[in-house]
Amino acid sequence: MIYLKNISTPQGVFIPKCRGAKGDLLFSLKNTVNQSVTEMSVVDEWARGLYFRFEVKLPAEVASGEYEYSLTDDAGVISEGILIVGESSNPKEYNKVIQYEQY
């Protein structure tokens, strides 16, 4: 899962790389609520490694929420997954000591 802040300044994104890119890269975001699609052309900043790394500048009309992302090139889909736009919440973890009595 990828987390992005809902800001208009460029942010770095790391996408798992299952194969090398062949041609131009297209990064697509599909809102899971209203099914709107935002597409942007990106350039991989790392020639080697296990991840694609590129800068994303979100448009002003992108709403906070959950998105399905896909990274494609001229040969097809490279990577797909879930992306969250907005502030990430820190889940609370409760550590309660459990004591058992033996009868």
Protein backbone atom coordinates (compact mmCIF):
# COMPACT_ATOMS: atom_id res chain seq x y z
CA MET A 1 0.00 0.00 0.00
CA ILE A 2 1.25 3.45 -0.91
CA TYR A 3 0.47 6.60 1.05
CA LEU A 4 0.51 10.09 -0.47
CA LYS A 5 -0.25 13.40 1.18
CA ASN A 6 -3.00 15.46 -0.45
CA ILE A 7 -0.70 18.32 -1.44
CA SER A 8 0.09 19.89 -4.79
CA THR A 9 3.88 19.85 -4.38
CA PRO A 10 5.81 16.93 -5.93
CA GLN A 11 6.16 13.80 -3.79
CA GLY A 12 8.44 10.82 -4.26
CA VAL A 13 6.76 7.47 -4.96
CA PHE A 14 8.30 4.00 -4.86
CA ILE A 15 6.53 1.31 -6.92
CA PRO A 16 7.64 -2.36 -6.85
CA LYS A 17 9.42 -3.37 -10.04
CA CYS A 18 8.61 -6.80 -11.48
CA ARG A 19 10.24 -6.05 -14.83
CA GLY A 20 12.00 -3.24 -16.62
CA ALA A 21 10.10 -0.48 -18.38
CA LYS A 22 9.70 -0.54 -22.15
CA GLY A 23 8.86 2.93 -23.36
CA ASP A 24 7.02 5.74 -21.59
CA LEU A 25 5.56 5.23 -18.11
CA LEU A 26 1.96 6.17 -17.28
CA PHE A 27 0.80 6.33 -13.63
CA SER A 28 -3.00 6.06 -13.20
CA LEU A 29 -5.14 6.61 -10.10
CA LYS A 30 -8.75 5.34 -10.04
CA ASN A 31 -10.95 6.55 -7.18
CA THR A 32 -12.73 3.59 -5.57
CA VAL A 33 -15.79 5.70 -4.68
CA ASN A 34 -16.71 7.71 -7.78
CA GLN A 35 -14.54 5.77 -10.30
CA SER A 36 -12.84 8.95 -11.59
CA VAL A 37 -9.44 8.38 -13.19
CA THR A 38 -6.36 10.62 -13.00
CA GLU A 39 -3.43 9.83 -15.28
CA MET A 40 0.04 11.33 -15.38
CA SER A 41 3.17 10.64 -17.34
CA VAL A 42 6.16 9.86 -15.10
CA VAL A 43 9.89 9.28 -15.51
CA ASP A 44 11.77 6.62 -13.52
CA GLU A 45 14.59 8.27 -11.56
CA TRP A 46 16.31 4.97 -10.71
CA ALA A 47 17.73 2.99 -13.59
CA ARG A 48 18.46 0.01 -11.34
CA GLY A 49 16.98 -1.45 -8.20
CA LEU A 50 13.86 -3.22 -7.03
CA TYR A 51 11.59 -0.18 -7.28
CA PHE A 52 10.57 2.50 -9.72
CA ARG A 53 11.04 5.91 -8.16
CA PHE A 54 9.38 8.97 -9.60
CA GLU A 55 7.85 12.28 -8.56
CA VAL A 56 4.06 12.72 -8.52
CA LYS A 57 2.34 16.10 -8.43
CA LEU A 58 -1.32 15.56 -7.56
CA PRO A 59 -3.87 17.82 -9.26
CA ALA A 60 -6.00 20.07 -7.04
CA GLU A 61 -9.19 18.15 -7.83
CA VAL A 62 -7.90 14.87 -6.34
CA ALA A 63 -9.94 14.08 -3.22
CA SER A 64 -8.59 12.34 -0.14
CA GLY A 65 -9.43 8.66 0.00
CA GLU A 66 -8.59 5.25 -1.41
CA TYR A 67 -7.42 4.73 -5.00
CA GLU A 68 -6.38 1.83 -7.18
CA TYR A 69 -3.10 2.66 -8.90
CA SER A 70 -1.55 1.15 -11.99
CA LEU A 71 1.80 1.77 -13.62
CA THR A 72 1.88 0.91 -17.32
CA ASP A 73 4.31 1.20 -20.19
CA ASP A 74 4.16 0.45 -23.91
CA ALA A 75 4.13 -3.33 -23.22
CA GLY A 76 1.29 -3.27 -20.66
CA VAL A 77 0.76 -3.20 -16.90
CA ILE A 78 3.88 -3.24 -14.75
CA SER A 79 2.40 -2.86 -11.27
CA GLU A 80 -1.02 -2.45 -9.64
CA GLY A 81 -2.13 -1.88 -6.07
CA ILE A 82 -3.89 0.33 -3.54
CA LEU A 83 -2.95 3.91 -2.79
CA ILE A 84 -4.24 6.19 0.00
CA VAL A 85 -4.34 9.96 -0.53
CA GLY A 86 -4.51 11.98 2.68
CA GLU A 87 -3.05 11.84 6.13
CA SER A 88 -2.22 8.33 7.27
CA SER A 89 -3.80 7.36 10.55
CA ASN A 90 -1.76 5.67 13.22
CA PRO A 91 -3.69 2.70 14.54
CA LYS A 92 -3.86 2.35 18.30
CA GLU A 93 -2.57 -0.82 19.81
CA TYR A 94 -3.75 -1.87 23.22
CA ASN A 95 -1.41 -3.98 25.28
CA LYS A 96 -3.47 -5.59 27.99
CA VAL A 97 -1.83 -8.10 30.24
CA ILE A 98 -3.80 -11.32 30.28
CA GLN A 99 -3.46 -13.49 33.37
CA TYR A 100 -4.71 -17.03 33.54
CA GLU A 101 -5.55 -18.92 36.71
CA GLN A 102 -4.91 -22.58 36.85
CA TYR A 103 -7.51 -24.69 38.67
